[in-house]
Amino acid sequence: MKGVILAGGRGTRLYPLTKVTNKHLLPVGKEPMIFNPIKQLVSAGITDILIVTSTQHMGDVVNLLGSGKEFNCDFTYKVQEEAKGIAHALLLAENFANGEKIVVVLGDNISDTSIKHSVEIFKKQGHGARVLLKKVGDPERYGVVAIDEKKIIQIEEKPHHPKSDYAVIGYYMYDHKVFDIIRTVTPSVRGELEITSVNNVYVENGELEYDIHPGNWTDAGTIESLRFANEMMLKVENQMFYISGRGEA
């Protein structure tokens, strides 16, 4: 199983902090933001990791992370030349995945609790996809799930009237079919390939499972959520090894 960290984008919601740097290099707690997604994957036993980032910041990311030796893993790098959505960025990982299952983490996702338990369940799942959910106070910012009898029946992207307060957070697990699915989805009105569209194909095929992610979590993509991420991680004494939490199936 391989890992993919998506660390591109323009970080406009964090401007001017992102005027001269990639948002994933901003400090969270005592470390750069991108360290958290890396350590999430390593904590789950995933050590072959692709990092996708933007053209203008690739040099800074490589200078910071190097080969991966510091994290006991191996990094491969790929440039996303245009910001056309999460699914578009993920498509760049097809050759890297080489038919294996992948665990995808958005580079601004910060948690004090390991995803190891969910990854272990996914290894045994056989096929399809698995996502992590979290109850949030502002579901309109996310892909929001409608759940019936413990099955996801629909995911709605940034809804004005959310059907629940459970959001799909930025930890995704896919089998080899994900790349073919990405090629079938239609760009959104924003001109982007939305990961929600990809996940909904798995829903329609009855192949999307989920866990409720335990512990604290945020996407550090706004000033307020970046502040929360800093407060959260400053409380974690050992940021190399996170709590091994067990989510709700």
Protein backbone atom coordinates (compact mmCIF):
# COMPACT_ATOMS: atom_id res chain seq x y z
CA MET A 1 0.00 0.00 0.00
CA LYS A 2 1.29 3.45 -0.91
CA GLY A 3 0.63 6.96 0.40
CA VAL A 4 -0.15 10.20 -1.39
CA ILE A 5 -0.03 13.68 0.15
CA LEU A 6 -1.71 16.45 -1.83
CA ALA A 7 0.03 19.71 -0.98
CA GLY A 8 -0.67 22.02 -3.89
CA GLY A 9 -3.17 24.85 -4.18
CA ARG A 10 -2.75 28.57 -3.70
CA GLY A 11 -3.75 28.90 -0.03
CA THR A 12 -5.77 32.06 -0.73
CA ARG A 13 -7.75 31.81 2.52
CA LEU A 14 -4.50 32.19 4.46
CA TYR A 15 -3.23 35.22 2.52
CA PRO A 16 -0.92 37.10 3.20
CA LEU A 17 0.74 34.24 5.14
CA THR A 18 0.91 32.36 1.84
CA LYS A 19 2.16 35.25 -0.28
CA VAL A 20 5.70 33.87 -0.46
CA THR A 21 5.32 30.27 0.74
CA ASN A 22 3.22 27.15 0.36
CA LYS A 23 0.63 26.93 3.15
CA HIS A 24 1.77 23.39 3.94
CA LEU A 25 5.12 24.80 5.09
CA LEU A 26 3.52 27.10 7.67
CA PRO A 27 4.17 26.17 11.31
CA VAL A 28 1.65 24.08 13.19
CA GLY A 29 2.69 23.51 16.77
CA LYS A 30 6.44 22.95 16.70
CA GLU A 31 6.64 21.68 13.13
CA PRO A 32 5.74 22.58 9.54
CA MET A 33 2.15 21.66 8.68
CA ILE A 34 3.09 18.95 6.18
CA PHE A 35 4.89 16.92 8.85
CA ASN A 36 1.53 15.86 10.30
CA PRO A 37 0.22 14.14 7.14
CA ILE A 38 3.61 12.45 6.67
CA LYS A 39 3.62 11.10 10.21
CA GLN A 40 0.02 9.95 9.83
CA LEU A 41 1.03 7.73 6.92
CA VAL A 42 4.20 6.47 8.60
CA SER A 43 2.24 5.70 11.79
CA ALA A 44 0.00 3.46 9.64
CA GLY A 45 3.02 1.60 8.25
CA ILE A 46 3.05 3.39 4.89
CA THR A 47 6.58 4.38 3.92
CA ASP A 48 6.41 4.80 0.13
CA ILE A 49 4.92 8.28 -0.22
CA LEU A 50 4.23 10.60 -3.17
CA ILE A 51 4.01 14.33 -2.49
CA VAL A 52 2.14 16.42 -5.05
CA THR A 53 2.68 20.17 -4.85
CA SER A 54 2.68 23.26 -7.05
CA THR A 55 5.37 24.40 -9.47
CA GLN A 56 6.28 27.56 -7.58
CA HIS A 57 6.84 25.80 -4.26
CA MET A 58 8.32 22.44 -5.25
CA GLY A 59 11.89 23.56 -4.48
CA ASP A 60 10.98 24.67 -0.95
CA VAL A 61 9.11 21.44 -0.25
CA VAL A 62 11.99 19.28 -1.46
CA ASN A 63 14.52 21.34 0.50
CA LEU A 64 12.47 20.82 3.66
CA LEU A 65 11.67 17.13 3.30
CA GLY A 66 14.53 15.67 1.32
CA SER A 67 14.50 11.95 0.57
CA GLY A 68 12.32 10.97 3.52
CA LYS A 69 15.16 9.50 5.58
CA GLU A 70 14.31 11.79 8.52
CA PHE A 71 10.85 10.20 8.67
CA ASN A 72 11.95 6.60 7.96
CA CYS A 73 10.21 6.64 4.60
CA ASP A 74 10.87 7.31 0.90
CA PHE A 75 9.49 10.34 -0.92
CA THR A 76 8.62 10.76 -4.58
CA TYR A 77 7.63 14.20 -5.84
CA LYS A 78 5.22 15.32 -8.55
CA VAL A 79 4.24 18.78 -9.77
CA GLN A 80 0.62 19.83 -10.26
CA GLU A 81 1.00 22.61 -12.82
CA GLU A 82 -2.62 23.80 -12.61
CA ALA A 83 -4.95 23.88 -9.61
CA LYS A 84 -7.87 21.89 -11.04
CA GLY A 85 -9.13 20.13 -7.94
CA ILE A 86 -8.22 17.34 -5.56
CA ALA A 87 -9.17 14.57 -7.98
CA HIS A 88 -7.08 16.19 -10.73
CA ALA A 89 -4.07 16.23 -8.40
CA LEU A 90 -4.68 12.62 -7.41
CA LEU A 91 -4.67 11.53 -11.05
CA LEU A 92 -0.98 12.45 -11.11
CA ALA A 93 -0.36 9.54 -8.73
CA GLU A 94 -1.49 6.82 -11.14
CA ASN A 95 1.96 5.65 -12.26
CA PHE A 96 3.27 5.90 -8.71
CA ALA A 97 0.43 3.71 -7.37
CA ASN A 98 1.17 1.05 -10.01
CA GLY A 99 -2.04 -0.83 -9.29
CA GLU A 100 -1.67 -0.86 -5.50
CA LYS A 101 -4.15 0.49 -2.97
CA ILE A 102 -3.44 4.04 -1.87
CA VAL A 103 -4.09 6.17 1.19
CA VAL A 104 -4.49 9.85 0.33
CA VAL A 105 -4.05 12.67 2.85
CA LEU A 106 -4.70 16.34 2.16
CA GLY A 107 -1.66 18.34 3.17
CA ASP A 108 -3.55 20.73 5.45
CA ASN A 109 -5.23 17.99 7.51
CA ILE A 110 -4.03 18.06 11.12
CA SER A 111 -4.92 15.49 13.76
CA ASP A 112 -3.49 14.32 17.07
CA THR A 113 -4.78 10.79 16.49
CA SER A 114 -3.40 8.15 14.14
CA ILE A 115 -5.36 6.80 11.17
CA LYS A 116 -3.62 3.43 11.61
CA HIS A 117 -6.73 1.56 12.72
CA SER A 118 -8.75 2.63 9.67
CA VAL A 119 -5.87 1.80 7.32
CA GLU A 120 -5.64 -1.70 8.80
CA ILE A 121 -9.38 -2.20 8.21
CA PHE A 122 -8.99 -0.99 4.62
CA LYS A 123 -6.19 -3.48 3.99
CA LYS A 124 -8.69 -6.24 4.77
CA GLN A 125 -11.56 -4.60 2.87
CA GLY A 126 -10.66 -6.24 -0.41
CA HIS A 127 -11.91 -3.62 -2.84
CA GLY A 128 -13.61 -0.25 -3.06
CA ALA A 129 -12.85 2.83 -0.99
CA ARG A 130 -12.93 4.02 2.59
CA VAL A 131 -13.26 7.58 3.95
CA LEU A 132 -13.04 9.14 7.38
CA LEU A 133 -15.83 11.29 8.78
CA LYS A 134 -15.93 13.86 11.55
CA LYS A 135 -18.76 15.79 13.17
CA VAL A 136 -18.16 19.49 12.43
CA GLY A 137 -19.74 22.78 13.37
CA ASP A 138 -19.57 24.25 9.85
CA PRO A 139 -20.54 21.39 7.50
CA GLU A 140 -21.25 23.79 4.65
CA ARG A 141 -17.46 24.03 4.14
CA TYR A 142 -17.11 20.34 3.34
CA GLY A 143 -18.44 17.32 1.52
CA VAL A 144 -21.33 16.30 3.80
CA VAL A 145 -22.70 12.77 4.06
CA ALA A 146 -26.23 11.49 4.25
CA ILE A 147 -26.12 8.21 6.17
CA ASP A 148 -28.80 5.51 6.32
CA GLU A 149 -28.33 2.44 8.54
CA LYS A 150 -24.58 2.96 8.74
CA LYS A 151 -24.19 3.26 4.96
CA ILE A 152 -23.31 6.43 3.11
CA ILE A 153 -26.09 7.06 0.61
CA GLN A 154 -24.87 10.40 -0.74
CA ILE A 155 -22.14 13.00 -0.36
CA GLU A 156 -22.98 16.61 -1.13
CA GLU A 157 -20.20 19.13 -1.76
CA LYS A 158 -20.41 22.35 0.28
CA PRO A 159 -24.21 22.27 0.64
CA HIS A 160 -26.22 25.35 1.61
CA HIS A 161 -28.55 23.12 3.65
CA PRO A 162 -26.48 20.19 4.97
CA LYS A 163 -28.31 16.91 5.52
CA SER A 164 -26.07 16.08 8.47
CA ASP A 165 -23.17 17.56 10.41
CA TYR A 166 -20.80 14.75 9.43
CA ALA A 167 -18.16 15.83 6.94
CA VAL A 168 -15.81 13.76 4.83
CA ILE A 169 -12.38 14.85 6.05
CA GLY A 170 -9.17 14.71 4.07
CA TYR A 171 -8.16 11.07 4.59
CA TYR A 172 -9.19 8.86 1.66
CA MET A 173 -8.40 5.23 0.84
CA TYR A 174 -8.86 3.82 -2.66
CA ASP A 175 -8.37 0.67 -4.67
CA HIS A 176 -6.85 0.68 -8.17
CA LYS A 177 -10.14 1.70 -9.82
CA VAL A 178 -9.94 5.27 -8.54
CA PHE A 179 -7.97 6.57 -11.51
CA ASP A 180 -10.43 5.19 -14.06
CA ILE A 181 -13.24 6.73 -12.02
CA ILE A 182 -11.55 10.15 -11.99
CA ARG A 183 -11.45 10.10 -15.79
CA THR A 184 -15.23 9.66 -15.89
CA VAL A 185 -16.25 12.55 -13.63
CA THR A 186 -17.43 15.89 -14.96
CA PRO A 187 -15.72 19.09 -13.78
CA SER A 188 -17.72 21.18 -11.31
CA VAL A 189 -18.97 24.70 -11.99
CA ARG A 190 -15.60 25.85 -10.61
CA GLY A 191 -13.91 23.90 -13.40
CA GLU A 192 -12.40 21.41 -10.94
CA LEU A 193 -12.48 17.64 -10.64
CA GLU A 194 -14.06 17.22 -7.22
CA ILE A 195 -13.09 14.32 -4.97
CA THR A 196 -16.73 14.24 -3.83
CA SER A 197 -17.73 13.23 -7.36
CA VAL A 198 -15.24 10.37 -7.22
CA ASN A 199 -16.49 9.24 -3.81
CA ASN A 200 -20.09 9.32 -5.01
CA VAL A 201 -19.24 6.86 -7.79
CA TYR A 202 -18.03 4.47 -5.11
CA VAL A 203 -21.28 5.15 -3.21
CA GLU A 204 -23.35 4.30 -6.31
CA ASN A 205 -21.38 1.07 -6.72
CA GLY A 206 -21.93 0.14 -3.06
CA GLU A 207 -18.19 0.23 -2.44
CA LEU A 208 -17.66 3.16 -0.06
CA GLU A 209 -17.09 2.35 3.60
CA TYR A 210 -16.34 4.78 6.42
CA ASP A 211 -15.03 5.28 9.94
CA ILE A 212 -15.61 8.14 12.37
CA HIS A 213 -12.16 9.59 13.03
CA PRO A 214 -11.48 9.80 16.79
CA GLY A 215 -9.53 12.52 18.52
CA ASN A 216 -9.02 16.11 17.46
CA TRP A 217 -8.90 17.12 13.80
CA THR A 218 -8.97 20.23 11.63
CA ASP A 219 -8.05 21.31 8.15
CA ALA A 220 -5.67 24.20 8.67
CA GLY A 221 -6.87 26.09 5.61
CA THR A 222 -8.24 29.22 7.26
CA ILE A 223 -6.83 31.62 9.84
CA GLU A 224 -9.21 30.32 12.50
CA SER A 225 -8.55 26.64 11.79
CA LEU A 226 -4.79 27.29 11.63
CA ARG A 227 -5.02 28.79 15.12
CA PHE A 228 -6.91 25.72 16.35
CA ALA A 229 -4.34 23.41 14.72
CA ASN A 230 -1.51 25.21 16.49
CA GLU A 231 -3.25 24.97 19.87
CA MET A 232 -4.01 21.29 19.31
CA MET A 233 -0.50 20.25 18.34
CA LEU A 234 1.23 22.30 21.02
CA LYS A 235 -0.53 20.02 23.50
CA VAL A 236 0.94 16.88 21.91
CA GLU A 237 4.11 16.07 23.82
CA ASN A 238 5.62 13.71 21.26
CA GLN A 239 4.72 14.81 17.75
CA MET A 240 6.55 11.91 16.10
CA PHE A 241 4.13 9.25 17.32
CA TYR A 242 0.47 10.09 17.67
CA ILE A 243 -2.20 8.40 19.72
CA SER A 244 -3.28 5.18 18.05
CA GLY A 245 -7.02 5.75 18.07
CA ARG A 246 -9.81 3.40 17.13
CA GLY A 247 -12.60 4.91 15.10
CA GLU A 248 -16.24 3.90 15.11
CA ALA A 249 -17.09 1.55 12.27
